[in-house]
């Protein structure tokens, strides 16, 4: 069993009174597919995504539906099932962010049921997006995760898989900066967190979110409704690392005096994995009279925490990596002879996601420059080029050894137009480049830095100028196809005398040509 790490932190909640409205959380709030802004919070998605089609959908007349759900960005698969489409957002490296994606299908694909697809953060598979059940019940769906970017951009992607064959889509995307204390028992250099459940127990109202939660996390109602506990209504959330909103302490689930409380939570069956679990408690009984709630907590019959004292100070218990599989039962049991019952106010469960890694930064930078130089690069050339493995960029082949590198480019006959950026020479692990039968133009850049290059196909394009003599200095180059371009001058001697080189240059305008070979 994975090691269990428990963190217990207690602090007195201090009443906070403010006549001013709280400021919005710091972050980026994107109304996907919208063509006009309707307030000062949500922004349009153009500039953050470079593929997909904006569409409008009809939303139900429901007070819980917001205007951001009336538009989506849909991403046509065009026959390529495994393809990802990414939003690339500016962020601050090594800062913790809450990421929320929101989906309301609205029949955008012209089918009765929504598509099922994947979502990805940078090079990490986040989760499957399956909104079928929610949509059938007239509801929208959302997913939350916590991630720390290692660089100055974060890519959030949706990706077509083989679950269904219709186009993935997204309604809204939010990235909110979190305080450093939140979820700080997790090593975010190795892991991300994917929300499974976040609930306010004994609560029956609408979602608890901003302004009650200053980070706009969503706390859903759960369980039978309990009377509101008046003394907790104006309490600060500053005493617990994860800063739960004080409103979640205004209700609770309880048991009778001395009796345990069993809680089936989360309510759905969980895949076999490790999970971050946080449980929140507060008790307004007068401790001076000896009325102290003490709890033994077990998860699926395994001791989670013993002799937890719950007072009005507020307390939380955390497990950073707890194994779960299937349905989960939490048992809250007072010790024998206790005059108090069990109680719980709120809880969070996250799946702990091992990060998928990153393609070598130098390769990412070089490919992004090449991407920007082209008029019509492949639609999925955003996000990490190599990860997740099943969603590497179209035409990009990678190696997955100690360092993740780009080792081949194959864009043959893809209708690509534009110049070939000299930055391609910084992809120093390349062994093959296949760019034939496109509309590349301009000069052939200096590729002498590509010491590993064995195959270079630039035929049937519109390259002009002279053949760089430096190509002859690439020791491993064995195949060079330049035929049917607009090159001039002579074939460099460094290529004429290069042993073992299969060279084709016919079909150029003024070139002293090598004869065609079969």
Protein backbone atom coordinates (compact mmCIF):
# COMPACT_ATOMS: atom_id res chain seq x y z
CA UNK A 1 0.00 0.00 0.00
CA UNK A 2 1.25 3.48 -0.83
CA UNK A 3 2.50 5.45 2.18
CA UNK A 4 -0.11 7.55 3.90
CA UNK A 5 0.67 11.11 4.81
CA UNK A 6 -1.71 12.82 7.17
CA UNK A 7 -1.62 16.50 7.92
CA UNK A 8 -3.65 17.97 10.73
CA UNK A 9 -4.02 21.69 11.05
CA UNK A 10 -6.26 23.54 13.48
CA UNK A 11 -6.86 27.24 13.87
CA UNK A 12 -9.48 29.48 15.36
CA UNK A 13 -11.80 30.95 12.74
CA UNK A 14 -11.96 34.71 13.01
CA UNK A 15 -15.11 36.57 12.01
CA UNK A 16 -14.62 38.78 8.99
CA UNK A 17 -17.01 41.55 8.15
CA UNK A 18 -16.70 43.55 4.96
CA UNK A 19 -18.97 46.07 3.33
CA UNK A 20 -17.21 45.85 -0.02
CA UNK A 21 -17.64 43.10 -2.58
CA UNK A 22 -14.73 40.65 -2.78
CA UNK A 23 -12.47 40.98 -5.80
CA UNK A 24 -12.68 38.39 -8.53
CA UNK A 25 -10.06 35.63 -8.38
CA UNK A 26 -6.94 36.22 -10.44
CA UNK A 27 -7.04 34.25 -13.64
CA UNK A 28 -8.29 33.90 -17.19
CA UNK A 29 -11.95 33.20 -17.95
CA UNK A 30 -12.57 32.17 -21.58
CA UNK A 31 -16.03 32.03 -23.18
CA UNK A 32 -15.30 29.42 -25.86
CA UNK A 33 -16.83 30.06 -29.27
CA UNK A 34 -18.31 33.44 -28.34
CA UNK A 35 -18.06 36.25 -30.89
CA UNK A 36 -18.88 39.15 -28.55
CA UNK A 37 -18.17 39.86 -24.89
CA UNK A 38 -21.08 40.40 -22.57
CA UNK A 39 -19.27 41.49 -19.36
CA UNK A 40 -15.82 42.42 -18.10
CA UNK A 41 -14.96 38.96 -16.77
CA UNK A 42 -15.20 36.57 -19.71
CA UNK A 43 -12.95 37.01 -22.74
CA UNK A 44 -13.18 35.67 -26.28
CA UNK A 45 -11.12 32.62 -27.17
CA UNK A 46 -9.57 33.89 -30.39
CA UNK A 47 -5.87 34.39 -29.75
CA UNK A 48 -5.70 31.35 -27.48
CA UNK A 49 -6.78 28.67 -29.96
CA UNK A 50 -6.08 28.37 -33.67
CA UNK A 51 -8.48 25.69 -34.85
CA UNK A 52 -12.10 24.72 -34.41
CA UNK A 53 -15.37 26.40 -35.33
CA UNK A 54 -17.38 28.71 -33.04
CA UNK A 55 -21.03 27.68 -32.77
CA UNK A 56 -24.14 28.72 -30.87
CA UNK A 57 -26.38 26.27 -29.03
CA UNK A 58 -29.78 26.58 -27.38
CA UNK A 59 -29.64 26.35 -23.59
CA UNK A 60 -32.61 25.50 -21.33
CA UNK A 61 -34.53 28.23 -19.52
CA UNK A 62 -32.92 27.38 -16.23
CA UNK A 63 -31.63 29.86 -13.60
CA UNK A 64 -28.52 27.69 -13.11
CA UNK A 65 -27.50 28.01 -16.77
CA UNK A 66 -25.24 30.95 -17.61
CA UNK A 67 -24.66 32.71 -20.89
CA UNK A 68 -21.23 31.15 -21.42
CA UNK A 69 -23.02 27.85 -22.09
CA UNK A 70 -24.80 29.28 -25.16
CA UNK A 71 -21.66 29.03 -27.33
CA UNK A 72 -19.10 26.31 -27.90
CA UNK A 73 -16.00 25.79 -29.98
CA UNK A 74 -16.30 22.57 -31.95
CA UNK A 75 -13.30 20.78 -33.43
CA UNK A 76 -14.00 18.80 -36.63
CA UNK A 77 -12.04 15.56 -36.67
CA UNK A 78 -11.87 15.35 -40.50
CA UNK A 79 -11.30 11.61 -40.38
CA UNK A 80 -8.38 11.80 -37.95
CA UNK A 81 -9.74 10.29 -34.74
CA UNK A 82 -6.69 10.66 -32.52
CA UNK A 83 -6.02 14.37 -32.77
CA UNK A 84 -5.80 17.00 -30.05
CA UNK A 85 -6.83 20.66 -30.21
CA UNK A 86 -5.26 22.98 -27.67
CA UNK A 87 -5.78 26.32 -26.00
CA UNK A 88 -2.37 27.82 -25.19
CA UNK A 89 -2.58 30.22 -22.24
CA UNK A 90 -0.04 32.59 -20.66
CA UNK A 91 0.74 31.62 -17.05
CA UNK A 92 3.42 32.14 -14.43
CA UNK A 93 5.76 29.19 -14.10
CA UNK A 94 5.84 27.29 -10.79
CA UNK A 95 2.55 28.85 -9.66
CA UNK A 96 -0.42 26.69 -8.68
CA UNK A 97 -3.54 26.96 -10.86
CA UNK A 98 -7.07 25.65 -10.69
CA UNK A 99 -8.16 24.63 -14.20
CA UNK A 100 -11.87 24.19 -14.94
CA UNK A 101 -13.34 23.06 -18.24
CA UNK A 102 -17.11 23.35 -18.81
CA UNK A 103 -19.23 21.49 -21.35
CA UNK A 104 -22.83 21.77 -22.53
CA UNK A 105 -23.47 19.86 -25.74
CA UNK A 106 -26.67 21.50 -26.97
CA UNK A 107 -26.80 19.19 -30.01
CA UNK A 108 -23.88 20.97 -31.68
CA UNK A 109 -22.90 17.83 -33.66
CA UNK A 110 -26.44 17.18 -34.83
CA UNK A 111 -26.73 13.96 -32.85
CA UNK A 112 -28.81 13.03 -29.85
CA UNK A 113 -25.85 12.13 -27.63
CA UNK A 114 -22.70 14.15 -26.93
CA UNK A 115 -19.31 12.93 -28.13
CA UNK A 116 -16.98 11.29 -25.62
CA UNK A 117 -13.36 12.45 -25.83
CA UNK A 118 -10.19 13.12 -23.83
CA UNK A 119 -8.85 16.24 -22.19
CA UNK A 120 -5.15 16.94 -21.71
CA UNK A 121 -3.04 19.45 -19.76
CA UNK A 122 0.37 20.03 -21.37
CA UNK A 123 1.77 16.51 -21.83
CA UNK A 124 -0.47 14.86 -19.23
CA UNK A 125 -3.67 12.93 -19.91
CA UNK A 126 -6.20 14.55 -17.57
CA UNK A 127 -9.48 12.65 -17.98
CA UNK A 128 -12.15 11.34 -20.31
CA UNK A 129 -14.91 13.89 -20.96
CA UNK A 130 -18.25 12.08 -20.89
CA UNK A 131 -21.20 14.45 -20.52
CA UNK A 132 -23.83 11.96 -21.72
CA UNK A 133 -25.59 11.42 -18.39
CA UNK A 134 -25.61 15.10 -17.44
CA UNK A 135 -26.91 16.14 -20.86
CA UNK A 136 -29.71 13.55 -20.76
CA UNK A 137 -30.80 15.09 -17.44
CA UNK A 138 -30.67 18.64 -18.79
CA UNK A 139 -27.46 19.55 -16.96
CA UNK A 140 -24.10 20.96 -17.91
CA UNK A 141 -20.81 19.31 -16.91
CA UNK A 142 -17.54 20.59 -15.52
CA UNK A 143 -14.11 19.20 -14.65
CA UNK A 144 -11.56 20.70 -12.26
CA UNK A 145 -7.88 20.05 -11.76
CA UNK A 146 -4.90 21.60 -10.01
CA UNK A 147 -1.63 21.92 -11.93
CA UNK A 148 1.66 23.82 -11.69
CA UNK A 149 3.18 24.80 -15.06
CA UNK A 150 6.94 24.42 -15.50
CA UNK A 151 7.09 27.07 -18.25
CA UNK A 152 5.33 30.33 -19.12
CA UNK A 153 2.47 28.73 -21.06
CA UNK A 154 -0.08 26.05 -20.26
CA UNK A 155 -1.91 24.07 -22.93
CA UNK A 156 -5.39 22.71 -22.22
CA UNK A 157 -6.55 20.39 -24.97
CA UNK A 158 -9.55 18.34 -26.04
CA UNK A 159 -8.77 15.29 -28.13
CA UNK A 160 -10.77 12.97 -30.32
CA UNK A 161 -10.38 9.31 -29.42
CA UNK A 162 -12.16 6.12 -30.49
CA UNK A 163 -14.92 6.32 -27.86
CA UNK A 164 -17.23 8.08 -30.34
CA UNK A 165 -16.75 9.42 -33.86
CA UNK A 166 -18.19 12.94 -33.55
CA UNK A 167 -16.33 16.18 -32.94
CA UNK A 168 -15.08 17.22 -29.49
CA UNK A 169 -16.16 20.64 -28.19
CA UNK A 170 -15.80 22.96 -25.19
CA UNK A 171 -18.06 25.66 -23.70
CA UNK A 172 -15.81 27.48 -21.24
CA UNK A 173 -12.28 27.39 -19.88
CA UNK A 174 -11.09 28.94 -16.60
CA UNK A 175 -7.59 29.10 -15.15
CA UNK A 176 -7.47 30.57 -11.62
CA UNK A 177 -4.34 31.32 -9.63
CA UNK A 178 -4.33 29.62 -6.21
CA UNK A 179 -2.58 30.55 -2.98
CA UNK A 180 0.55 28.56 -2.28
CA UNK A 181 -0.95 26.93 0.81
CA UNK A 182 -3.68 25.12 -1.11
CA UNK A 183 -3.07 21.38 -1.55
CA UNK A 184 0.56 22.01 -0.59
CA UNK A 185 1.18 18.45 0.59
CA UNK A 186 1.28 17.37 -3.09
CA UNK A 187 4.53 17.40 -5.07
CA UNK A 188 3.32 19.26 -8.16
CA UNK A 189 6.62 18.66 -9.95
CA UNK A 190 5.55 15.02 -10.19
CA UNK A 191 1.75 15.11 -9.92
CA UNK A 192 -1.39 16.98 -10.83
CA UNK A 193 -4.79 16.68 -9.12
CA UNK A 194 -8.06 15.85 -10.91
CA UNK A 195 -11.22 16.56 -8.94
CA UNK A 196 -13.45 13.60 -8.19
CA UNK A 197 -15.81 15.20 -5.64
CA UNK A 198 -16.04 18.36 -3.58
CA UNK A 199 -19.06 18.56 -1.30
CA UNK A 200 -20.67 20.59 1.44
CA UNK A 201 -22.42 17.99 3.62
CA UNK A 202 -25.93 18.59 4.87
CA UNK A 203 -26.32 21.49 2.42
CA UNK A 204 -29.19 21.71 -0.06
CA UNK A 205 -28.75 25.00 -1.90
CA UNK A 206 -27.09 25.90 -5.21
CA UNK A 207 -23.39 25.44 -5.86
CA UNK A 208 -21.18 27.19 -3.33
CA UNK A 209 -18.67 29.16 -5.40
CA UNK A 210 -17.44 32.75 -5.71
CA UNK A 211 -17.89 34.99 -3.77
CA UNK A 212 -18.20 32.44 -0.94
CA UNK A 213 -15.11 30.65 -2.24
CA UNK A 214 -12.58 33.29 -3.21
CA UNK A 215 -10.94 30.92 -5.71
CA UNK A 216 -14.31 30.11 -7.31
CA UNK A 217 -14.05 26.40 -6.55
CA UNK A 218 -17.37 24.57 -6.81
CA UNK A 219 -18.76 22.89 -3.67
CA UNK A 220 -21.78 20.76 -4.44
CA UNK A 221 -24.63 19.97 -1.99
CA UNK A 222 -24.64 16.48 -0.49
CA UNK A 223 -26.81 14.34 1.76
CA UNK A 224 -29.91 15.03 3.77
CA UNK A 225 -30.42 18.69 4.56
CA UNK A 226 -29.37 19.81 8.03
CA UNK A 227 -30.47 22.98 9.86
CA UNK A 228 -28.14 25.90 9.29
CA UNK A 229 -25.66 26.39 12.12
CA UNK A 230 -25.94 30.09 12.81
CA UNK A 231 -22.61 30.50 14.59
CA UNK A 232 -20.58 29.57 11.52
CA UNK A 233 -22.12 31.97 9.01
CA UNK A 234 -19.49 34.71 9.19
CA UNK A 235 -16.36 32.74 9.96
CA UNK A 236 -13.09 33.22 8.11
CA UNK A 237 -11.58 30.37 6.10
CA UNK A 238 -8.02 31.39 6.96
CA UNK A 239 -7.33 28.63 9.46
CA UNK A 240 -6.95 25.62 7.15
CA UNK A 241 -4.35 25.25 4.41
CA UNK A 242 -6.88 24.59 1.66
CA UNK A 243 -8.93 27.66 2.65
CA UNK A 244 -12.42 26.14 2.38
CA UNK A 245 -15.16 28.79 2.37
CA UNK A 246 -16.76 29.44 5.75
CA UNK A 247 -20.17 28.65 4.26
CA UNK A 248 -19.41 24.92 4.15
CA UNK A 249 -19.23 24.97 7.96
CA UNK A 250 -22.80 26.26 8.25
CA UNK A 251 -24.22 22.76 7.69
CA UNK A 252 -23.16 19.25 8.64
CA UNK A 253 -24.05 15.59 8.60
CA UNK A 254 -24.35 14.10 12.09
CA UNK A 255 -25.26 10.95 13.99
CA UNK A 256 -27.05 10.34 17.28
CA UNK A 257 -25.18 10.48 20.57
CA UNK A 258 -22.37 7.93 20.66
CA UNK A 259 -23.34 6.44 17.31
CA UNK A 260 -21.11 6.15 14.23
CA UNK A 261 -21.94 7.69 10.88
CA UNK A 262 -21.29 5.83 7.63
CA UNK A 263 -20.98 7.93 4.51
CA UNK A 264 -20.94 6.51 0.97
CA UNK A 265 -18.75 9.15 -0.63
CA UNK A 266 -17.88 9.77 -3.40
CA UNK A 267 -21.12 8.37 -4.76
CA UNK A 268 -19.64 6.78 -7.87
CA UNK A 269 -17.33 3.81 -8.28
CA UNK A 270 -13.69 4.88 -8.59
CA UNK A 271 -11.01 3.35 -10.80
CA UNK A 272 -8.08 1.72 -9.04
CA UNK A 273 -5.71 4.61 -8.35
CA UNK A 274 -4.30 6.81 -5.61
CA UNK A 275 -6.30 9.74 -4.30
CA UNK A 276 -5.86 12.95 -2.34
CA UNK A 277 -8.52 13.14 0.38
CA UNK A 278 -9.30 16.16 2.57
CA UNK A 279 -12.06 16.15 5.20
CA UNK A 280 -13.22 19.27 7.07
CA UNK A 281 -14.82 19.49 10.52
CA UNK A 282 -15.96 22.13 13.00
CA UNK A 283 -18.15 21.83 16.13
CA UNK A 284 -19.89 24.66 17.98
CA UNK A 285 -20.52 22.78 21.22
CA UNK A 286 -19.17 24.43 24.35
CA UNK A 287 -15.85 22.69 25.02
CA UNK A 288 -15.68 24.19 28.53
CA UNK A 289 -18.58 21.92 29.47
CA UNK A 290 -16.66 18.87 28.28
CA UNK A 291 -18.70 18.61 25.08
CA UNK A 292 -15.87 17.77 22.73
CA UNK A 293 -16.48 15.73 19.62
CA UNK A 294 -13.81 13.06 19.16
CA UNK A 295 -13.80 10.90 16.04
CA UNK A 296 -12.08 7.80 14.74
CA UNK A 297 -12.13 7.91 10.96
CA UNK A 298 -11.88 4.88 8.68
CA UNK A 299 -12.02 4.58 4.90
CA UNK A 300 -13.26 1.22 3.60
CA UNK A 301 -12.52 -0.24 7.02
CA UNK A 302 -8.91 1.00 7.13
CA UNK A 303 -7.97 3.44 9.89
CA UNK A 304 -7.57 6.91 8.43
CA UNK A 305 -7.23 9.00 11.60
CA UNK A 306 -7.65 8.24 15.32
CA UNK A 307 -8.97 10.40 18.15
CA UNK A 308 -9.57 13.52 16.10
CA UNK A 309 -10.73 16.35 18.38
CA UNK A 310 -13.26 18.58 16.64
CA UNK A 311 -13.93 22.00 18.15
CA UNK A 312 -15.04 25.41 16.98
CA UNK A 313 -11.42 26.02 16.02
CA UNK A 314 -12.00 23.97 12.88
CA UNK A 315 -9.87 21.05 11.78
CA UNK A 316 -8.94 19.26 8.56
CA UNK A 317 -7.28 15.92 7.88
CA UNK A 318 -5.43 15.16 4.67
CA UNK A 319 -4.14 12.05 2.93
CA UNK A 320 -1.97 12.80 -0.09
CA UNK A 321 -1.91 9.31 -1.63
CA UNK A 322 -4.60 6.91 -0.48
CA UNK A 323 -5.44 3.85 -2.63
CA UNK A 324 -9.10 3.53 -3.61
CA UNK A 325 -11.01 1.28 -5.97
CA UNK A 326 -14.75 0.87 -6.50
CA UNK A 327 -17.24 2.32 -4.02
CA UNK A 328 -15.94 4.15 -0.95
CA UNK A 329 -17.35 4.19 2.57
CA UNK A 330 -16.15 6.67 5.19
CA UNK A 331 -16.94 5.74 8.79
CA UNK A 332 -16.95 8.44 11.48
CA UNK A 333 -17.11 6.83 14.92
CA UNK A 334 -17.07 8.45 18.38
CA UNK A 335 -15.10 6.44 20.98
CA UNK A 336 -17.11 4.06 23.21
CA UNK A 337 -19.12 5.89 25.84
CA UNK A 338 -18.92 9.27 24.11
CA UNK A 339 -21.67 11.75 24.86
CA UNK A 340 -21.29 13.26 21.39
CA UNK A 341 -22.25 11.98 17.96
CA UNK A 342 -20.28 11.99 14.73
CA UNK A 343 -20.24 14.94 12.33
CA UNK A 344 -18.64 16.15 9.11
CA UNK A 345 -18.96 19.44 7.24
CA UNK A 346 -17.19 19.10 3.90
CA UNK A 347 -14.73 17.08 1.88
CA UNK A 348 -12.65 16.93 -1.29
CA UNK A 349 -11.30 13.97 -3.25
CA UNK A 350 -8.84 14.25 -6.14
CA UNK A 351 -7.30 11.60 -8.34
CA UNK A 352 -3.53 11.96 -8.12
CA UNK A 353 -2.22 12.16 -11.71
CA UNK A 354 1.43 11.31 -12.46
CA UNK A 355 2.62 14.01 -14.84
CA UNK A 356 3.36 12.87 -18.36
CA UNK A 357 6.57 14.84 -18.76
CA UNK A 358 7.51 17.36 -21.42
CA UNK A 359 9.21 17.36 -24.78
CA UNK A 360 12.67 18.95 -24.59
CA UNK A 361 12.11 22.70 -24.43
CA UNK A 362 14.55 23.41 -27.26
CA UNK A 363 12.54 21.16 -29.59
CA UNK A 364 9.24 22.73 -28.52
CA UNK A 365 10.55 26.25 -29.15
CA UNK A 366 11.93 25.29 -32.56
CA UNK A 367 8.73 23.58 -33.69
CA UNK A 368 6.61 26.52 -32.55
CA UNK A 369 8.72 28.89 -34.67
CA UNK A 370 8.38 26.56 -37.66
CA UNK A 371 4.64 26.42 -36.97
CA UNK A 372 4.28 30.22 -36.97
CA UNK A 373 6.20 30.55 -40.24
CA UNK A 374 3.68 28.41 -42.14
CA UNK A 375 0.42 29.67 -43.60
CA UNK A 376 -1.54 26.52 -42.85
CA UNK A 377 0.23 24.24 -40.39
CA UNK A 378 -1.58 21.09 -39.23
CA UNK A 379 -4.53 21.97 -36.99
CA UNK A 380 -3.17 20.05 -34.02
CA UNK A 381 0.22 21.81 -33.90
CA UNK A 382 -0.40 23.25 -30.44
CA UNK A 383 0.41 21.98 -26.98
CA UNK A 384 3.20 19.47 -26.38
CA UNK A 385 4.47 18.00 -29.69
CA UNK A 386 5.13 14.49 -28.34
CA UNK A 387 2.86 13.96 -25.32
CA UNK A 388 0.66 12.23 -24.51
CA UNK A 389 2.17 9.66 -26.85
CA UNK A 390 -1.08 8.85 -28.63
CA UNK A 391 -1.55 12.55 -29.38
CA UNK A 392 1.79 13.59 -30.84
CA UNK A 393 1.47 16.28 -33.51
CA UNK A 394 0.53 15.26 -37.03
CA UNK A 395 3.71 14.40 -38.90
CA UNK A 396 5.91 14.49 -35.78
CA UNK A 397 7.78 11.37 -34.66
CA UNK A 398 9.37 11.35 -31.20
CA UNK A 399 11.76 9.28 -29.13
CA UNK A 400 10.84 8.59 -25.50
CA UNK A 401 14.12 7.89 -23.80
CA UNK A 402 15.73 9.88 -20.97
CA UNK A 403 14.87 13.07 -22.85
CA UNK A 404 11.82 13.30 -25.10
CA UNK A 405 13.01 14.46 -28.52
CA UNK A 406 11.60 15.03 -32.00
CA UNK A 407 13.40 12.61 -34.34
CA UNK A 408 11.45 12.90 -37.60
CA UNK A 409 9.08 15.20 -39.51
CA UNK A 410 6.82 13.81 -42.23
CA UNK A 411 4.50 16.39 -43.81
CA UNK A 412 4.48 14.81 -47.26
CA UNK A 413 1.51 15.83 -49.45
CA UNK A 414 -0.30 17.75 -46.71
CA UNK A 415 -0.86 20.94 -48.71
CA UNK A 416 1.47 22.97 -46.46
CA UNK A 417 2.31 26.48 -47.67
CA UNK A 418 5.03 28.87 -46.55
CA UNK A 419 8.79 29.23 -46.05
CA UNK A 420 10.84 26.70 -44.09
CA UNK A 421 12.09 28.46 -40.97
CA UNK A 422 15.84 28.21 -40.22
CA UNK A 423 14.74 27.28 -36.69
CA UNK A 424 14.23 23.74 -37.94
CA UNK A 425 18.00 23.32 -37.59
CA UNK A 426 17.57 23.49 -33.79
CA UNK A 427 15.73 20.15 -33.85
CA UNK A 428 19.13 18.51 -33.43
CA UNK A 429 17.80 14.96 -32.90
CA UNK A 430 16.18 14.84 -36.35
CA UNK A 431 17.11 11.83 -38.47
CA UNK A 432 14.48 12.29 -41.20
CA UNK A 433 12.72 15.26 -42.82
CA UNK A 434 9.97 14.54 -45.37
CA UNK A 435 8.38 17.70 -46.79
CA UNK A 436 7.76 16.63 -50.40
CA UNK A 437 4.78 17.59 -52.57
CA UNK A 438 3.74 20.76 -50.72
CA UNK A 439 4.08 24.48 -51.44
CA UNK A 440 7.19 25.41 -49.50
CA UNK A 441 9.01 28.38 -50.96
CA UNK A 442 12.06 30.54 -50.27
CA UNK A 443 15.59 29.34 -49.73
CA UNK A 444 16.68 26.10 -48.11
CA UNK A 445 17.98 27.03 -44.64
CA UNK A 446 21.36 25.98 -43.27
CA UNK A 447 20.78 22.52 -41.79
CA UNK A 448 24.37 21.73 -40.86
CA UNK A 449 23.48 21.54 -37.14
CA UNK A 450 21.44 18.41 -37.85
CA UNK A 451 24.31 15.99 -37.26
CA UNK A 452 21.96 13.00 -37.04
CA UNK A 453 20.09 13.72 -40.30
CA UNK A 454 20.02 10.78 -42.72
CA UNK A 455 17.09 11.61 -45.03
CA UNK A 456 16.02 14.97 -46.46
CA UNK A 457 13.08 15.12 -48.90
CA UNK A 458 12.21 18.59 -50.23
CA UNK A 459 11.07 17.55 -53.72
CA UNK A 460 8.01 18.93 -55.55
CA UNK A 461 7.91 22.32 -53.83
CA UNK A 462 8.92 25.88 -54.79
CA UNK A 463 12.27 26.24 -53.05
CA UNK A 464 14.51 28.78 -54.80
CA UNK A 465 18.07 30.08 -54.52
CA UNK A 466 21.05 27.76 -54.41
CA UNK A 467 21.60 24.43 -52.72
CA UNK A 468 23.44 25.12 -49.45
CA UNK A 469 26.95 23.61 -49.68
CA UNK A 470 26.71 22.91 -45.95
CA UNK A 471 24.38 19.99 -46.72
CA UNK A 472 27.49 18.09 -47.80
CA UNK A 473 28.92 18.44 -44.30
CA UNK A 474 26.12 16.39 -42.70
CA UNK A 475 28.08 13.19 -42.22
CA UNK A 476 25.10 10.81 -41.90
CA UNK A 477 23.09 12.23 -44.82
CA UNK A 478 22.33 9.38 -47.24
CA UNK A 479 19.27 10.58 -49.19
CA UNK A 480 18.69 14.09 -50.56
CA UNK A 481 15.73 14.69 -52.89
CA UNK A 482 15.50 18.23 -54.33
CA UNK A 483 13.87 17.58 -57.70
CA UNK A 484 11.09 19.73 -59.15
CA UNK A 485 11.80 22.97 -57.28
CA UNK A 486 13.00 26.38 -58.54
CA UNK A 487 16.63 26.06 -57.46
CA UNK A 488 19.50 27.59 -59.46
CA UNK A 489 23.27 27.49 -59.63
CA UNK A 490 25.38 24.40 -59.47
CA UNK A 491 25.26 21.32 -57.35
CA UNK A 492 27.87 21.92 -54.61
CA UNK A 493 31.01 19.79 -54.90
CA UNK A 494 30.49 18.71 -51.28
CA UNK A 495 27.40 16.82 -52.48
CA UNK A 496 28.85 15.59 -55.78
CA UNK A 497 31.67 13.78 -54.04
CA UNK A 498 29.78 12.66 -50.94
CA UNK A 499 30.06 8.85 -50.83
CA UNK A 500 26.86 6.83 -50.61
CA UNK A 501 24.53 9.81 -51.17
CA UNK A 502 21.34 9.22 -53.18
CA UNK A 503 20.93 12.69 -54.72
CA UNK A 504 18.08 13.85 -56.98
CA UNK A 505 18.09 17.39 -58.38
CA UNK A 506 16.35 17.22 -61.77
CA UNK A 507 13.47 19.51 -62.68
CA UNK A 508 14.97 22.75 -61.37
CA UNK A 509 15.20 25.93 -63.43
CA UNK A 510 18.90 26.76 -63.90
CA UNK A 511 20.57 23.95 -62.04
CA UNK A 512 23.37 21.95 -63.55
CA UNK A 513 21.28 18.86 -63.14
CA UNK A 514 21.94 15.34 -62.12
CA UNK A 515 20.18 12.86 -64.43
CA UNK A 516 16.97 11.25 -63.21
CA UNK A 517 17.45 7.93 -61.49
CA UNK A 518 14.94 5.15 -61.12
